[in-house]
Amino acid sequence: MNTEAIKPMRLERSSFLDRPRVIAACCFLFLTLISLIRVSHAQNVTSVESVASTPQEKQSGKSDIAEQLANPLANMISVPFQWNYDRGRGVNQVGSDQTLLFQPVIPISLSGGDTLIVRPIVTSVWLNNVNGYTGAGLSNIQLEAFYAPNTNSSFIWGVGPYFSSPAGSSGQFGSQQMGAGATGVALNRVGGWTYGILAFQSWSLGGVATSGTANNLYGQPFIAYVTPDAWTYSLNFQSNYNYDTHRTSNPVNFDIAKLVYFDKTPIQFTVGPRYNVSSVPGGPQGWGARAVITFVISK
């Protein structure tokens, strides 16, 4: 999120609800998600392991699911809710922010073992004393899609379109420009290790540029190790370069996750620190935190 143009202003209470475009977009996104999940089930998307009859089989099944969750192109429906906390915001570095990302992963099985992965990302933001402003709202809504061919090997890849759209017109929570481009993932799996990179290139389709532009290059190298008892240790770098400001934000995340069953539903809990190596002017500085809860949906 570009923060260079955040200004000390106060939104009216009804500013979000007064935007029919935002409400219609959220309704359309919700209906699209429901439709895609129904299609995934109808096409017999690979389901997660059921609760096994022996403790050894059950533990192995949990580890398999944890390894799939470390794979962005896994043929498995998952619904993560990711919370991030950052501090050092604003020109005087006394502000903080909290973000909550809703980013379901919806695979659709294609012929020949190929897969289409659809991943919308909706981000809500709460700013606290950032240049004198405190408030909450929606950041840009993003949509990523990956066509992943069946490689019949441990190395897999996927490419597809990328779209982003502002959820409001205040400019407090992200760019007011629409963006489009291409995204891709490439990774390898060896034993319990998964490592690779996710990237996208976005170009602006127009809109007000005072709160930042949509001309961005994003790269996220990642590595994760899953133990036989379904613990996951992961490290990733999230670098976002803006072509217009010539500045890069570089948060680093180290996460520890554990997959457990609630009744027969697999749920993964993740916590960890994050550190902002560099940021745009007014962006977060120093240490922060992350927590994620991920629901795995089976047939």
C-alpha atoms as a PDB file:
ATOM      1  CA  MET A   1       0.000   0.000   0.000  1.00  0.00           C
ATOM      2  CA  ASN A   2       1.450   3.377  -1.007  1.00  0.00           C
ATOM      3  CA  THR A   3       1.410   5.815   1.904  1.00  0.00           C
ATOM      4  CA  GLU A   4       3.112   8.888   0.540  1.00  0.00           C
ATOM      5  CA  ALA A   5      -0.096  10.887   0.103  1.00  0.00           C
ATOM      6  CA  ILE A   6      -1.823  10.126   3.431  1.00  0.00           C
ATOM      7  CA  LYS A   7      -3.151  13.391   4.781  1.00  0.00           C
ATOM      8  CA  PRO A   8      -4.648  14.306   8.169  1.00  0.00           C
ATOM      9  CA  MET A   9      -8.293  14.308   7.245  1.00  0.00           C
ATOM     10  CA  ARG A  10     -11.392  12.785   8.813  1.00  0.00           C
ATOM     11  CA  LEU A  11     -13.952  10.830   6.810  1.00  0.00           C
ATOM     12  CA  GLU A  12     -17.640  11.176   7.427  1.00  0.00           C
ATOM     13  CA  ARG A  13     -19.231   8.164   9.134  1.00  0.00           C
ATOM     14  CA  SER A  14     -21.380   7.398   6.088  1.00  0.00           C
ATOM     15  CA  SER A  15     -18.558   7.808   3.520  1.00  0.00           C
ATOM     16  CA  PHE A  16     -18.183   4.071   2.883  1.00  0.00           C
ATOM     17  CA  LEU A  17     -21.833   3.097   2.928  1.00  0.00           C
ATOM     18  CA  ASP A  18     -22.694   5.962   0.571  1.00  0.00           C
ATOM     19  CA  ARG A  19     -20.792   4.310  -2.275  1.00  0.00           C
ATOM     20  CA  PRO A  20     -23.094   1.971  -4.217  1.00  0.00           C
ATOM     21  CA  ARG A  21     -20.158   0.974  -6.403  1.00  0.00           C
ATOM     22  CA  VAL A  22     -18.311  -0.500  -3.412  1.00  0.00           C
ATOM     23  CA  ILE A  23     -21.395  -2.317  -2.115  1.00  0.00           C
ATOM     24  CA  ALA A  24     -22.135  -3.741  -5.566  1.00  0.00           C
ATOM     25  CA  ALA A  25     -18.518  -4.856  -5.975  1.00  0.00           C
ATOM     26  CA  CYS A  26     -18.543  -6.639  -2.613  1.00  0.00           C
ATOM     27  CA  CYS A  27     -21.826  -8.399  -3.455  1.00  0.00           C
ATOM     28  CA  PHE A  28     -20.492  -9.444  -6.855  1.00  0.00           C
ATOM     29  CA  LEU A  29     -17.285 -10.769  -5.262  1.00  0.00           C
ATOM     30  CA  PHE A  30     -19.254 -12.758  -2.679  1.00  0.00           C
ATOM     31  CA  LEU A  31     -21.506 -14.342  -5.316  1.00  0.00           C
ATOM     32  CA  THR A  32     -18.486 -15.105  -7.496  1.00  0.00           C
ATOM     33  CA  LEU A  33     -16.743 -16.884  -4.621  1.00  0.00           C
ATOM     34  CA  ILE A  34     -19.803 -19.005  -3.878  1.00  0.00           C
ATOM     35  CA  SER A  35     -20.151 -19.940  -7.561  1.00  0.00           C
ATOM     36  CA  LEU A  36     -16.472 -20.872  -7.885  1.00  0.00           C
ATOM     37  CA  ILE A  37     -16.564 -23.047  -4.775  1.00  0.00           C
ATOM     38  CA  ARG A  38     -19.631 -24.870  -6.103  1.00  0.00           C
ATOM     39  CA  VAL A  39     -17.882 -25.410  -9.447  1.00  0.00           C
ATOM     40  CA  SER A  40     -14.803 -26.729  -7.679  1.00  0.00           C
ATOM     41  CA  HIS A  41     -16.836 -29.320  -5.823  1.00  0.00           C
ATOM     42  CA  ALA A  42     -18.752 -30.308  -8.952  1.00  0.00           C
ATOM     43  CA  GLN A  43     -15.474 -30.949 -10.778  1.00  0.00           C
ATOM     44  CA  ASN A  44     -14.195 -33.197  -7.997  1.00  0.00           C
ATOM     45  CA  VAL A  45     -11.413 -30.987  -6.747  1.00  0.00           C
ATOM     46  CA  THR A  46      -8.991 -33.049  -4.695  1.00  0.00           C
ATOM     47  CA  SER A  47     -10.266 -33.040  -1.147  1.00  0.00           C
ATOM     48  CA  VAL A  48      -8.200 -33.114   2.001  1.00  0.00           C
ATOM     49  CA  GLU A  49      -7.565 -36.324   3.849  1.00  0.00           C
ATOM     50  CA  SER A  50     -10.346 -37.526   6.118  1.00  0.00           C
ATOM     51  CA  VAL A  51      -9.625 -38.363   9.713  1.00  0.00           C
ATOM     52  CA  ALA A  52      -7.587 -41.582   9.552  1.00  0.00           C
ATOM     53  CA  SER A  53      -8.260 -44.750  11.467  1.00  0.00           C
ATOM     54  CA  THR A  54      -4.849 -44.858  13.205  1.00  0.00           C
ATOM     55  CA  PRO A  55      -2.823 -42.105  14.903  1.00  0.00           C
ATOM     56  CA  GLN A  56       0.056 -42.638  12.441  1.00  0.00           C
ATOM     57  CA  GLU A  57      -2.209 -42.249   9.400  1.00  0.00           C
ATOM     58  CA  LYS A  58      -3.908 -39.238  10.942  1.00  0.00           C
ATOM     59  CA  GLN A  59      -0.540 -37.532  11.581  1.00  0.00           C
ATOM     60  CA  SER A  60       0.585 -38.264   8.015  1.00  0.00           C
ATOM     61  CA  GLY A  61      -2.643 -36.781   6.657  1.00  0.00           C
ATOM     62  CA  LYS A  62      -2.137 -33.583   8.673  1.00  0.00           C
ATOM     63  CA  SER A  63       1.415 -33.241   7.370  1.00  0.00           C
ATOM     64  CA  ASP A  64       0.197 -33.693   3.766  1.00  0.00           C
ATOM     65  CA  ILE A  65      -2.379 -30.918   4.225  1.00  0.00           C
ATOM     66  CA  ALA A  66       0.236 -28.617   5.798  1.00  0.00           C
ATOM     67  CA  GLU A  67       2.518 -29.199   2.798  1.00  0.00           C
ATOM     68  CA  GLN A  68      -0.318 -28.285   0.429  1.00  0.00           C
ATOM     69  CA  LEU A  69      -0.973 -25.078   2.379  1.00  0.00           C
ATOM     70  CA  ALA A  70       2.686 -24.127   1.819  1.00  0.00           C
ATOM     71  CA  ASN A  71       2.082 -24.483  -1.934  1.00  0.00           C
ATOM     72  CA  PRO A  72       0.284 -21.491  -3.553  1.00  0.00           C
ATOM     73  CA  LEU A  73      -0.779 -23.732  -6.468  1.00  0.00           C
ATOM     74  CA  ALA A  74      -2.162 -26.625  -4.418  1.00  0.00           C
ATOM     75  CA  ASN A  75      -5.405 -28.162  -5.694  1.00  0.00           C
ATOM     76  CA  MET A  76      -7.182 -27.540  -2.395  1.00  0.00           C
ATOM     77  CA  ILE A  77      -9.704 -24.949  -1.220  1.00  0.00           C
ATOM     78  CA  SER A  78      -8.391 -22.859   1.677  1.00  0.00           C
ATOM     79  CA  VAL A  79      -9.698 -19.705   3.327  1.00  0.00           C
ATOM     80  CA  PRO A  80      -7.015 -17.754   5.224  1.00  0.00           C
ATOM     81  CA  PHE A  81      -7.620 -14.661   7.340  1.00  0.00           C
ATOM     82  CA  GLN A  82      -4.312 -12.824   7.772  1.00  0.00           C
ATOM     83  CA  TRP A  83      -3.764 -10.094  10.388  1.00  0.00           C
ATOM     84  CA  ASN A  84      -0.720  -7.804  10.249  1.00  0.00           C
ATOM     85  CA  TYR A  85       0.483  -5.149  12.665  1.00  0.00           C
ATOM     86  CA  ASP A  86       3.014  -2.470  11.724  1.00  0.00           C
ATOM     87  CA  ARG A  87       4.289   0.601  13.544  1.00  0.00           C
ATOM     88  CA  GLY A  88       6.408   3.657  12.811  1.00  0.00           C
ATOM     89  CA  ARG A  89       3.816   5.030  10.354  1.00  0.00           C
ATOM     90  CA  GLY A  90       3.561   8.665   9.263  1.00  0.00           C
ATOM     91  CA  VAL A  91       6.065  11.456   8.763  1.00  0.00           C
ATOM     92  CA  ASN A  92       6.800  11.535  12.522  1.00  0.00           C
ATOM     93  CA  GLN A  93       6.785   7.697  12.774  1.00  0.00           C
ATOM     94  CA  VAL A  94       4.384   7.621  15.749  1.00  0.00           C
ATOM     95  CA  GLY A  95       1.446   5.952  13.978  1.00  0.00           C
ATOM     96  CA  SER A  96       0.562   2.302  13.519  1.00  0.00           C
ATOM     97  CA  ASP A  97      -1.699   0.205  11.336  1.00  0.00           C
ATOM     98  CA  GLN A  98      -3.481  -3.130  11.420  1.00  0.00           C
ATOM     99  CA  THR A  99      -4.621  -4.965   8.311  1.00  0.00           C
ATOM    100  CA  LEU A 100      -6.902  -7.975   7.890  1.00  0.00           C
ATOM    101  CA  LEU A 101      -6.642  -9.841   4.582  1.00  0.00           C
ATOM    102  CA  PHE A 102      -9.377 -12.187   3.374  1.00  0.00           C
ATOM    103  CA  GLN A 103      -7.771 -14.213   0.565  1.00  0.00           C
ATOM    104  CA  PRO A 104      -9.534 -17.488  -0.303  1.00  0.00           C
ATOM    105  CA  VAL A 105      -7.742 -19.875  -2.653  1.00  0.00           C
ATOM    106  CA  ILE A 106     -10.152 -21.548  -5.081  1.00  0.00           C
ATOM    107  CA  PRO A 107      -8.836 -24.251  -7.443  1.00  0.00           C
ATOM    108  CA  ILE A 108     -10.787 -25.416 -10.489  1.00  0.00           C
ATOM    109  CA  SER A 109      -9.783 -28.725 -12.061  1.00  0.00           C
ATOM    110  CA  LEU A 110      -9.211 -28.690 -15.821  1.00  0.00           C
ATOM    111  CA  SER A 111      -8.634 -31.491 -18.305  1.00  0.00           C
ATOM    112  CA  GLY A 112      -5.322 -33.351 -18.311  1.00  0.00           C
ATOM    113  CA  GLY A 113      -4.627 -32.640 -14.655  1.00  0.00           C
ATOM    114  CA  ASP A 114      -4.214 -28.903 -15.199  1.00  0.00           C
ATOM    115  CA  THR A 115      -5.574 -26.471 -12.611  1.00  0.00           C
ATOM    116  CA  LEU A 116      -6.923 -22.924 -12.561  1.00  0.00           C
ATOM    117  CA  ILE A 117      -6.287 -21.169  -9.237  1.00  0.00           C
ATOM    118  CA  VAL A 118      -8.404 -18.098  -8.430  1.00  0.00           C
ATOM    119  CA  ARG A 119      -7.382 -15.917  -5.481  1.00  0.00           C
ATOM    120  CA  PRO A 120      -9.254 -12.691  -4.653  1.00  0.00           C
ATOM    121  CA  ILE A 121      -7.734 -10.535  -1.905  1.00  0.00           C
ATOM    122  CA  VAL A 122      -9.837  -8.119   0.153  1.00  0.00           C
ATOM    123  CA  THR A 123      -7.938  -5.995   2.680  1.00  0.00           C
ATOM    124  CA  SER A 124      -9.416  -3.979   5.529  1.00  0.00           C
ATOM    125  CA  VAL A 125      -7.185  -1.401   7.218  1.00  0.00           C
ATOM    126  CA  TRP A 126      -7.218   0.364  10.587  1.00  0.00           C
ATOM    127  CA  LEU A 127      -4.913   3.372  10.940  1.00  0.00           C
ATOM    128  CA  ASN A 128      -3.992   4.776  14.345  1.00  0.00           C
ATOM    129  CA  ASN A 129      -2.586   8.308  14.561  1.00  0.00           C
ATOM    130  CA  VAL A 130      -1.010   8.243  11.105  1.00  0.00           C
ATOM    131  CA  ASN A 131      -0.243  11.907  10.405  1.00  0.00           C
ATOM    132  CA  GLY A 132      -3.000  12.753  12.867  1.00  0.00           C
ATOM    133  CA  TYR A 133      -5.569  10.477  11.228  1.00  0.00           C
ATOM    134  CA  THR A 134      -7.322   7.542  12.912  1.00  0.00           C
ATOM    135  CA  GLY A 135      -9.918   5.462  11.070  1.00  0.00           C
ATOM    136  CA  ALA A 136     -10.753   2.250   9.253  1.00  0.00           C
ATOM    137  CA  GLY A 137     -11.679   1.315   5.708  1.00  0.00           C
ATOM    138  CA  LEU A 138     -11.014  -0.964   2.755  1.00  0.00           C
ATOM    139  CA  SER A 139      -7.794  -0.988   0.773  1.00  0.00           C
ATOM    140  CA  ASN A 140      -7.568  -1.998  -2.878  1.00  0.00           C
ATOM    141  CA  ILE A 141      -9.351  -5.202  -3.916  1.00  0.00           C
ATOM    142  CA  GLN A 142      -7.070  -7.531  -5.873  1.00  0.00           C
ATOM    143  CA  LEU A 143      -7.742 -10.571  -8.043  1.00  0.00           C
ATOM    144  CA  GLU A 144      -5.082 -13.089  -9.077  1.00  0.00           C
ATOM    145  CA  ALA A 145      -5.589 -16.125 -11.308  1.00  0.00           C
ATOM    146  CA  PHE A 146      -3.023 -18.803 -12.157  1.00  0.00           C
ATOM    147  CA  TYR A 147      -3.189 -21.417 -14.887  1.00  0.00           C
ATOM    148  CA  ALA A 148      -1.019 -24.264 -13.582  1.00  0.00           C
ATOM    149  CA  PRO A 149      -0.285 -27.075 -16.062  1.00  0.00           C
ATOM    150  CA  ASN A 150       0.306 -30.600 -14.831  1.00  0.00           C
ATOM    151  CA  THR A 151       4.118 -30.957 -14.895  1.00  0.00           C
ATOM    152  CA  ASN A 152       4.286 -34.488 -13.459  1.00  0.00           C
ATOM    153  CA  SER A 153       7.285 -33.378 -11.389  1.00  0.00           C
ATOM    154  CA  SER A 154       8.150 -31.659  -8.125  1.00  0.00           C
ATOM    155  CA  PHE A 155       8.627 -28.369 -10.010  1.00  0.00           C
ATOM    156  CA  ILE A 156       5.358 -26.567 -10.785  1.00  0.00           C
ATOM    157  CA  TRP A 157       4.465 -23.150 -12.122  1.00  0.00           C
ATOM    158  CA  GLY A 158       1.439 -21.019 -12.940  1.00  0.00           C
ATOM    159  CA  VAL A 159       0.744 -17.747 -14.765  1.00  0.00           C
ATOM    160  CA  GLY A 160      -2.298 -15.557 -15.276  1.00  0.00           C
ATOM    161  CA  PRO A 161      -3.868 -12.102 -15.049  1.00  0.00           C
ATOM    162  CA  TYR A 162      -3.732  -9.651 -12.173  1.00  0.00           C
ATOM    163  CA  PHE A 163      -6.286  -6.921 -11.403  1.00  0.00           C
ATOM    164  CA  SER A 164      -6.653  -4.315  -8.657  1.00  0.00           C
ATOM    165  CA  SER A 165      -9.382  -1.790  -7.962  1.00  0.00           C
ATOM    166  CA  PRO A 166      -9.821   0.884  -5.293  1.00  0.00           C
ATOM    167  CA  ALA A 167     -12.566   0.133  -2.804  1.00  0.00           C
ATOM    168  CA  GLY A 168     -13.196   3.778  -1.952  1.00  0.00           C
ATOM    169  CA  SER A 169     -12.324   7.321  -2.983  1.00  0.00           C
ATOM    170  CA  SER A 170     -10.772   8.724   0.208  1.00  0.00           C
ATOM    171  CA  GLY A 171      -7.184   7.764  -0.643  1.00  0.00           C
ATOM    172  CA  GLN A 172      -6.443   7.072   3.021  1.00  0.00           C
ATOM    173  CA  PHE A 173      -6.058   3.307   2.596  1.00  0.00           C
ATOM    174  CA  GLY A 174      -4.374   2.841  -0.782  1.00  0.00           C
ATOM    175  CA  SER A 175      -4.098   3.977  -4.356  1.00  0.00           C
ATOM    176  CA  GLN A 176      -7.189   5.382  -6.095  1.00  0.00           C
ATOM    177  CA  GLN A 177      -6.055   3.950  -9.414  1.00  0.00           C
ATOM    178  CA  MET A 178      -7.178   0.756 -11.107  1.00  0.00           C
ATOM    179  CA  GLY A 179      -4.419  -1.588 -12.199  1.00  0.00           C
ATOM    180  CA  ALA A 180      -3.992  -4.647 -14.408  1.00  0.00           C
ATOM    181  CA  GLY A 181      -1.111  -6.868 -15.394  1.00  0.00           C
ATOM    182  CA  ALA A 182       0.273 -10.366 -15.126  1.00  0.00           C
ATOM    183  CA  THR A 183       1.162 -12.629 -12.213  1.00  0.00           C
ATOM    184  CA  GLY A 184       3.080 -15.862 -11.865  1.00  0.00           C
ATOM    185  CA  VAL A 185       4.348 -18.484  -9.417  1.00  0.00           C
ATOM    186  CA  ALA A 186       7.189 -21.000  -9.728  1.00  0.00           C
ATOM    187  CA  LEU A 187       8.153 -23.448  -6.979  1.00  0.00           C
ATOM    188  CA  ASN A 188       9.785 -26.744  -6.178  1.00  0.00           C
ATOM    189  CA  ARG A 189       9.029 -29.346  -3.512  1.00  0.00           C
ATOM    190  CA  VAL A 190      11.705 -31.591  -1.998  1.00  0.00           C
ATOM    191  CA  GLY A 191      10.815 -33.713   0.995  1.00  0.00           C
ATOM    192  CA  GLY A 192       9.177 -31.380   3.501  1.00  0.00           C
ATOM    193  CA  TRP A 193      10.629 -28.294   1.788  1.00  0.00           C
ATOM    194  CA  THR A 194       8.729 -25.926  -0.498  1.00  0.00           C
ATOM    195  CA  TYR A 195      10.539 -22.965  -2.040  1.00  0.00           C
ATOM    196  CA  GLY A 196       9.867 -20.585  -4.893  1.00  0.00           C
ATOM    197  CA  ILE A 197       8.736 -17.109  -5.867  1.00  0.00           C
ATOM    198  CA  LEU A 198       5.435 -15.327  -6.506  1.00  0.00           C
ATOM    199  CA  ALA A 199       5.431 -12.112  -8.543  1.00  0.00           C
ATOM    200  CA  PHE A 200       3.182  -9.697 -10.405  1.00  0.00           C
ATOM    201  CA  GLN A 201       3.569  -6.702 -12.683  1.00  0.00           C
ATOM    202  CA  SER A 202       0.812  -4.095 -12.564  1.00  0.00           C
ATOM    203  CA  TRP A 203       0.192  -1.113 -14.844  1.00  0.00           C
ATOM    204  CA  SER A 204      -2.147   1.769 -14.101  1.00  0.00           C
ATOM    205  CA  LEU A 205      -5.448   1.934 -15.993  1.00  0.00           C
ATOM    206  CA  GLY A 206      -6.107   5.497 -14.871  1.00  0.00           C
ATOM    207  CA  GLY A 207      -7.454   7.268 -11.833  1.00  0.00           C
ATOM    208  CA  VAL A 208      -6.306   9.868  -9.319  1.00  0.00           C
ATOM    209  CA  ALA A 209      -2.599   9.497  -8.527  1.00  0.00           C
ATOM    210  CA  THR A 210      -2.386  11.666  -5.387  1.00  0.00           C
ATOM    211  CA  SER A 211      -2.569   8.594  -3.114  1.00  0.00           C
ATOM    212  CA  GLY A 212      -0.095   6.545  -5.129  1.00  0.00           C
ATOM    213  CA  THR A 213      -0.149   4.771  -8.479  1.00  0.00           C
ATOM    214  CA  ALA A 214      -0.813   1.214  -9.625  1.00  0.00           C
ATOM    215  CA  ASN A 215       2.486   0.943 -11.545  1.00  0.00           C
ATOM    216  CA  ASN A 216       4.098  -1.688  -9.360  1.00  0.00           C
ATOM    217  CA  LEU A 217       6.468  -4.641  -9.577  1.00  0.00           C
ATOM    218  CA  TYR A 218       5.999  -7.140  -6.739  1.00  0.00           C
ATOM    219  CA  GLY A 219       8.186 -10.128  -5.872  1.00  0.00           C
ATOM    220  CA  GLN A 220       7.827 -12.587  -2.992  1.00  0.00           C
ATOM    221  CA  PRO A 221      10.478 -15.303  -2.644  1.00  0.00           C
ATOM    222  CA  PHE A 222       9.468 -17.869  -0.037  1.00  0.00           C
ATOM    223  CA  ILE A 223      10.680 -21.036   1.647  1.00  0.00           C
ATOM    224  CA  ALA A 224       8.817 -23.337   4.032  1.00  0.00           C
ATOM    225  CA  TYR A 225       9.571 -26.565   5.862  1.00  0.00           C
ATOM    226  CA  VAL A 226       6.831 -28.888   7.129  1.00  0.00           C
ATOM    227  CA  THR A 227       7.614 -31.421   9.847  1.00  0.00           C
ATOM    228  CA  PRO A 228       6.033 -34.908  10.050  1.00  0.00           C
ATOM    229  CA  ASP A 229       3.805 -33.658  12.912  1.00  0.00           C
ATOM    230  CA  ALA A 230       2.396 -30.778  10.787  1.00  0.00           C
ATOM    231  CA  TRP A 231       4.455 -27.871  12.124  1.00  0.00           C
ATOM    232  CA  THR A 232       5.417 -25.372   9.393  1.00  0.00           C
ATOM    233  CA  TYR A 233       8.362 -22.949   9.555  1.00  0.00           C
ATOM    234  CA  SER A 234       8.395 -20.377   6.765  1.00  0.00           C
ATOM    235  CA  LEU A 235      10.284 -17.270   5.658  1.00  0.00           C
ATOM    236  CA  ASN A 236       9.268 -14.836   2.917  1.00  0.00           C
ATOM    237  CA  PHE A 237      10.282 -11.428   1.564  1.00  0.00           C
ATOM    238  CA  GLN A 238       7.609  -9.099   0.130  1.00  0.00           C
ATOM    239  CA  SER A 239       9.248  -6.517  -2.146  1.00  0.00           C
ATOM    240  CA  ASN A 240       7.034  -3.947  -3.876  1.00  0.00           C
ATOM    241  CA  TYR A 241       8.662  -1.423  -6.208  1.00  0.00           C
ATOM    242  CA  ASN A 242       6.679   1.587  -7.451  1.00  0.00           C
ATOM    243  CA  TYR A 243       7.881   2.905 -10.808  1.00  0.00           C
ATOM    244  CA  ASP A 244       6.647   6.463 -10.188  1.00  0.00           C
ATOM    245  CA  THR A 245       8.155   7.052  -6.750  1.00  0.00           C
ATOM    246  CA  HIS A 246      11.215   4.858  -7.408  1.00  0.00           C
ATOM    247  CA  ARG A 247      10.860   3.467  -3.903  1.00  0.00           C
ATOM    248  CA  THR A 248      10.599  -0.097  -2.590  1.00  0.00           C
ATOM    249  CA  SER A 249       8.938  -1.518   0.517  1.00  0.00           C
ATOM    250  CA  ASN A 250      10.555  -4.707   1.857  1.00  0.00           C
ATOM    251  CA  PRO A 251       8.856  -6.434   4.801  1.00  0.00           C
ATOM    252  CA  VAL A 252      10.301  -9.802   5.874  1.00  0.00           C
ATOM    253  CA  ASN A 253       8.062 -12.369   7.586  1.00  0.00           C
ATOM    254  CA  PHE A 254       9.044 -15.397   9.671  1.00  0.00           C
ATOM    255  CA  ASP A 255       6.076 -17.598  10.557  1.00  0.00           C
ATOM    256  CA  ILE A 256       5.479 -20.691  12.670  1.00  0.00           C
ATOM    257  CA  ALA A 257       2.272 -22.617  11.957  1.00  0.00           C
ATOM    258  CA  LYS A 258       0.520 -25.690  13.329  1.00  0.00           C
ATOM    259  CA  LEU A 259      -2.259 -27.640  11.623  1.00  0.00           C
ATOM    260  CA  VAL A 260      -4.895 -29.204  13.873  1.00  0.00           C
ATOM    261  CA  TYR A 261      -8.318 -30.783  13.498  1.00  0.00           C
ATOM    262  CA  PHE A 262     -11.511 -29.389  14.992  1.00  0.00           C
ATOM    263  CA  ASP A 263     -13.938 -32.261  14.655  1.00  0.00           C
ATOM    264  CA  LYS A 264     -13.069 -33.250  11.045  1.00  0.00           C
ATOM    265  CA  THR A 265     -12.135 -29.770   9.851  1.00  0.00           C
ATOM    266  CA  PRO A 266      -8.412 -28.987   9.339  1.00  0.00           C
ATOM    267  CA  ILE A 267      -7.441 -25.532  10.605  1.00  0.00           C
ATOM    268  CA  GLN A 268      -3.967 -24.029  10.575  1.00  0.00           C
ATOM    269  CA  PHE A 269      -2.869 -21.401  13.109  1.00  0.00           C
ATOM    270  CA  THR A 270       0.087 -19.166  12.250  1.00  0.00           C
ATOM    271  CA  VAL A 271       2.004 -16.513  14.220  1.00  0.00           C
ATOM    272  CA  GLY A 272       5.288 -14.744  13.725  1.00  0.00           C
ATOM    273  CA  PRO A 273       7.270 -11.499  13.682  1.00  0.00           C
ATOM    274  CA  ARG A 274       7.825  -9.267  10.663  1.00  0.00           C
ATOM    275  CA  TYR A 275      10.480  -6.653  10.019  1.00  0.00           C
ATOM    276  CA  ASN A 276      10.379  -3.746   7.559  1.00  0.00           C
ATOM    277  CA  VAL A 277      13.838  -3.607   6.018  1.00  0.00           C
ATOM    278  CA  SER A 278      12.863  -0.543   3.965  1.00  0.00           C
ATOM    279  CA  SER A 279       9.672   1.345   3.222  1.00  0.00           C
ATOM    280  CA  VAL A 280       8.169   4.246   1.320  1.00  0.00           C
ATOM    281  CA  PRO A 281       8.128   7.672   3.062  1.00  0.00           C
ATOM    282  CA  GLY A 282       5.538   7.529   5.846  1.00  0.00           C
ATOM    283  CA  GLY A 283       5.398   3.736   5.623  1.00  0.00           C
ATOM    284  CA  PRO A 284       5.934   1.258   8.468  1.00  0.00           C
ATOM    285  CA  GLN A 285       9.301   1.027  10.183  1.00  0.00           C
ATOM    286  CA  GLY A 286      10.997  -1.674  12.238  1.00  0.00           C
ATOM    287  CA  TRP A 287       9.299  -4.664  13.837  1.00  0.00           C
ATOM    288  CA  GLY A 288       5.716  -5.793  13.485  1.00  0.00           C
ATOM    289  CA  ALA A 289       3.665  -8.966  13.888  1.00  0.00           C
ATOM    290  CA  ARG A 290       1.511 -11.364  11.888  1.00  0.00           C
ATOM    291  CA  ALA A 291      -1.142 -13.960  12.743  1.00  0.00           C
ATOM    292  CA  VAL A 292      -3.156 -16.147  10.364  1.00  0.00           C
ATOM    293  CA  ILE A 293      -5.989 -18.628  10.731  1.00  0.00           C
ATOM    294  CA  THR A 294      -6.621 -20.822   7.681  1.00  0.00           C
ATOM    295  CA  PHE A 295      -9.681 -23.005   7.159  1.00  0.00           C
ATOM    296  CA  VAL A 296      -9.378 -25.952   4.780  1.00  0.00           C
ATOM    297  CA  ILE A 297     -12.604 -26.884   2.980  1.00  0.00           C
ATOM    298  CA  SER A 298     -13.121 -30.517   1.989  1.00  0.00           C
ATOM    299  CA  LYS A 299     -15.917 -32.199   0.032  1.00  0.00           C
END
